Amino acid sequence: MNEDILWKGSPSQVLNLGKFLVGLLLIGGIAVGGTFFPPAWAAIVLPLGWMLWEFLKVRCRVYELTTERLRLYSGVLNQTIDEVELYRVKDTSMERPFWFRMFGLSSLYLDTSDRSHPKVELEAIADAVNLRETLRKQVEYWRDRKRVREVDFEEGGDMEGGDGGLPL
């Protein structure tokens, strides 16, 4: 079976909105200072560089859902690629804060049984409702195909959903 890409996306730059506003205020302050002390204009490079770096950090984060796994790309200069097999996803939840809803964005959170990534966050993405449904279908497909079942144990050692013990 070929592994096809079902969805590919990046977080929105809305994540940087506060940082960009602070950067613009700093640039404004430097500009005012530059009218009284012209060498201060050179300092404008600092907030511009910081804003560019923050932009690139979000821009270089890419999420890719394939038919078999979720790939997470991150890094500006050095790239890191992490993967979570879909059959390891245990639960999903979605948050839609007011600020994100204004831009049609949501954050999707995954609880997994993956040791290196027990919690995965797909932050500030568009159309997360459809992505969540696509992800759910693929997770169920791979759990059935690999015959993976999740068993939860309560603190007292009892299995959830049972009578508390194994038949004798």
Protein backbone atom coordinates (compact mmCIF):
# COMPACT_ATOMS: atom_id res chain seq x y z
CA MET A 1 0.00 0.00 0.00
CA ASN A 2 1.37 3.40 -0.95
CA GLU A 3 1.67 6.05 1.71
CA ASP A 4 -0.19 9.11 0.46
CA ILE A 5 -0.30 12.59 1.94
CA LEU A 6 -3.82 13.34 3.19
CA TRP A 7 -3.15 16.80 4.64
CA LYS A 8 -0.23 19.17 4.96
CA GLY A 9 -0.23 22.46 6.84
CA SER A 10 1.59 24.96 9.00
CA PRO A 11 0.62 27.02 12.02
CA SER A 12 -0.75 30.45 11.30
CA GLN A 13 1.34 33.56 11.83
CA VAL A 14 -1.48 34.69 14.15
CA LEU A 15 0.70 33.00 16.80
CA ASN A 16 3.20 35.82 16.29
CA LEU A 17 0.73 38.69 16.34
CA GLY A 18 1.67 39.83 19.86
CA LYS A 19 5.39 39.56 19.09
CA PHE A 20 4.96 41.53 15.88
CA LEU A 21 3.09 44.28 17.75
CA VAL A 22 5.89 44.49 20.33
CA GLY A 23 8.45 44.62 17.50
CA LEU A 24 6.56 47.45 15.80
CA LEU A 25 6.41 49.38 19.08
CA LEU A 26 10.17 48.94 19.48
CA ILE A 27 10.75 50.12 15.92
CA GLY A 28 8.54 53.15 16.62
CA GLY A 29 10.53 53.93 19.77
CA ILE A 30 13.80 53.62 17.91
CA ALA A 31 12.48 55.89 15.15
CA VAL A 32 11.52 58.55 17.69
CA GLY A 33 14.92 58.21 19.36
CA GLY A 34 16.58 58.39 15.96
CA THR A 35 15.14 61.85 15.34
CA PHE A 36 17.05 63.14 18.38
CA PHE A 37 20.10 60.90 18.13
CA PRO A 38 20.62 59.74 14.50
CA PRO A 39 23.00 56.82 15.30
CA ALA A 40 20.10 55.16 17.13
CA TRP A 41 18.63 54.20 13.72
CA ALA A 42 21.16 51.36 13.58
CA ALA A 43 19.32 49.68 16.46
CA ILE A 44 16.29 49.13 14.22
CA VAL A 45 18.03 45.99 12.98
CA LEU A 46 17.46 44.26 16.34
CA PRO A 47 13.64 44.21 16.42
CA LEU A 48 13.49 43.56 12.67
CA GLY A 49 15.84 40.58 13.03
CA TRP A 50 13.88 39.27 16.00
CA MET A 51 10.59 39.58 14.13
CA LEU A 52 12.07 37.81 11.09
CA TRP A 53 13.35 34.97 13.31
CA GLU A 54 9.96 34.52 14.98
CA PHE A 55 8.28 34.51 11.56
CA LEU A 56 10.68 31.82 10.30
CA LYS A 57 10.25 29.64 13.40
CA VAL A 58 6.52 29.40 12.74
CA ARG A 59 6.88 29.21 8.94
CA CYS A 60 9.33 26.30 9.14
CA ARG A 61 7.02 24.22 11.33
CA VAL A 62 5.08 21.88 9.05
CA TYR A 63 2.60 19.15 9.90
CA GLU A 64 1.97 16.33 7.42
CA LEU A 65 -0.71 13.66 7.82
CA THR A 66 -0.18 10.63 5.63
CA THR A 67 -2.22 7.48 5.38
CA GLU A 68 0.10 5.83 7.97
CA ARG A 69 1.68 8.48 10.19
CA LEU A 70 1.83 12.08 11.29
CA ARG A 71 5.10 13.82 10.45
CA LEU A 72 6.24 16.91 12.33
CA TYR A 73 8.87 19.11 10.70
CA SER A 74 10.52 21.89 12.69
CA GLY A 75 13.65 24.01 12.69
CA VAL A 76 14.90 27.03 10.79
CA LEU A 77 18.57 26.26 10.24
CA ASN A 78 18.61 22.62 11.32
CA GLN A 79 15.49 20.64 10.54
CA THR A 80 14.07 17.97 12.83
CA ILE A 81 11.56 15.45 11.49
CA ASP A 82 9.52 13.48 14.02
CA GLU A 83 6.89 10.88 13.28
CA VAL A 84 3.99 9.37 15.17
CA GLU A 85 2.43 6.19 13.83
CA LEU A 86 -1.34 6.68 13.60
CA TYR A 87 -2.21 3.46 15.44
CA ARG A 88 -0.46 4.99 18.49
CA VAL A 89 -2.93 7.88 18.75
CA LYS A 90 -5.14 7.30 21.79
CA ASP A 91 -7.22 10.46 21.97
CA THR A 92 -7.71 13.82 20.30
CA SER A 93 -9.02 17.11 21.57
CA MET A 94 -9.45 20.49 19.98
CA GLU A 95 -9.32 24.01 21.36
CA ARG A 96 -10.81 26.99 19.61
CA PRO A 97 -10.02 30.11 21.65
CA PHE A 98 -11.89 33.25 20.74
CA TRP A 99 -8.79 34.82 19.21
CA PHE A 100 -8.22 31.81 16.93
CA ARG A 101 -11.91 31.56 15.99
CA MET A 102 -11.76 35.11 14.65
CA PHE A 103 -9.28 33.81 12.06
CA GLY A 104 -10.90 30.39 11.51
CA LEU A 105 -8.15 28.56 13.41
CA SER A 106 -8.01 25.80 16.02
CA SER A 107 -5.39 23.80 17.87
CA LEU A 108 -5.54 20.02 17.77
CA TYR A 109 -4.04 18.00 20.63
CA LEU A 110 -3.19 14.30 20.38
CA ASP A 111 -2.50 11.91 23.25
CA THR A 112 -0.39 9.03 21.99
CA SER A 113 1.34 5.92 23.25
CA ASP A 114 4.51 7.03 21.44
CA ARG A 115 7.39 7.24 23.93
CA SER A 116 9.13 10.18 22.30
CA HIS A 117 5.91 12.15 21.68
CA PRO A 118 3.23 11.31 24.24
CA LYS A 119 1.51 14.64 23.55
CA VAL A 120 1.42 16.24 20.10
CA GLU A 121 0.13 19.73 19.45
CA LEU A 122 -0.92 21.00 16.03
CA GLU A 123 -1.21 24.66 16.89
CA ALA A 124 -3.21 27.39 15.13
CA ILE A 125 -4.25 25.41 12.05
CA ALA A 126 -7.08 26.03 9.63
CA ASP A 127 -9.93 23.54 9.12
CA ALA A 128 -9.01 21.48 12.19
CA VAL A 129 -12.52 19.99 12.42
CA ASN A 130 -12.13 18.16 9.10
CA LEU A 131 -8.53 17.25 9.89
CA ARG A 132 -9.62 15.73 13.19
CA GLU A 133 -12.24 13.60 11.44
CA THR A 134 -9.75 12.45 8.77
CA LEU A 135 -7.25 11.62 11.48
CA ARG A 136 -9.86 9.69 13.48
CA LYS A 137 -10.77 7.55 10.47
CA GLN A 138 -7.13 6.76 9.70
CA VAL A 139 -6.39 5.93 13.34
CA GLU A 140 -9.33 3.50 13.45
CA TYR A 141 -8.26 1.93 10.14
CA TRP A 142 -4.71 1.28 11.37
CA ARG A 143 -5.82 0.09 14.81
CA ASP A 144 -8.13 -2.47 13.12
CA ARG A 145 -5.50 -3.47 10.60
CA LYS A 146 -2.77 -3.97 13.23
CA ARG A 147 -5.27 -5.37 15.74
CA VAL A 148 -4.25 -2.81 18.33
CA ARG A 149 -6.55 -2.31 21.30
CA GLU A 150 -6.11 0.03 24.20
CA VAL A 151 -6.57 -1.24 27.73
CA ASP A 152 -6.79 1.32 30.53
CA PHE A 153 -5.98 0.37 34.09
CA GLU A 154 -7.32 2.24 37.07
CA GLU A 155 -5.14 3.09 40.04
CA GLY A 156 -6.27 0.07 42.05
CA GLY A 157 -5.18 -2.27 39.26
CA ASP A 158 -8.71 -2.86 37.97
CA MET A 159 -9.32 -2.77 34.26
CA GLU A 160 -11.68 -0.05 33.12
CA GLY A 161 -15.03 -1.25 31.87
CA GLY A 162 -14.82 -4.67 33.51
CA ASP A 163 -15.88 -6.21 36.81
CA GLY A 164 -12.44 -5.58 38.28
CA GLY A 165 -10.86 -8.93 37.65
CA LEU A 166 -10.24 -11.75 35.26
CA PRO A 167 -12.57 -14.76 35.14
CA LEU A 168 -11.32 -17.69 37.21
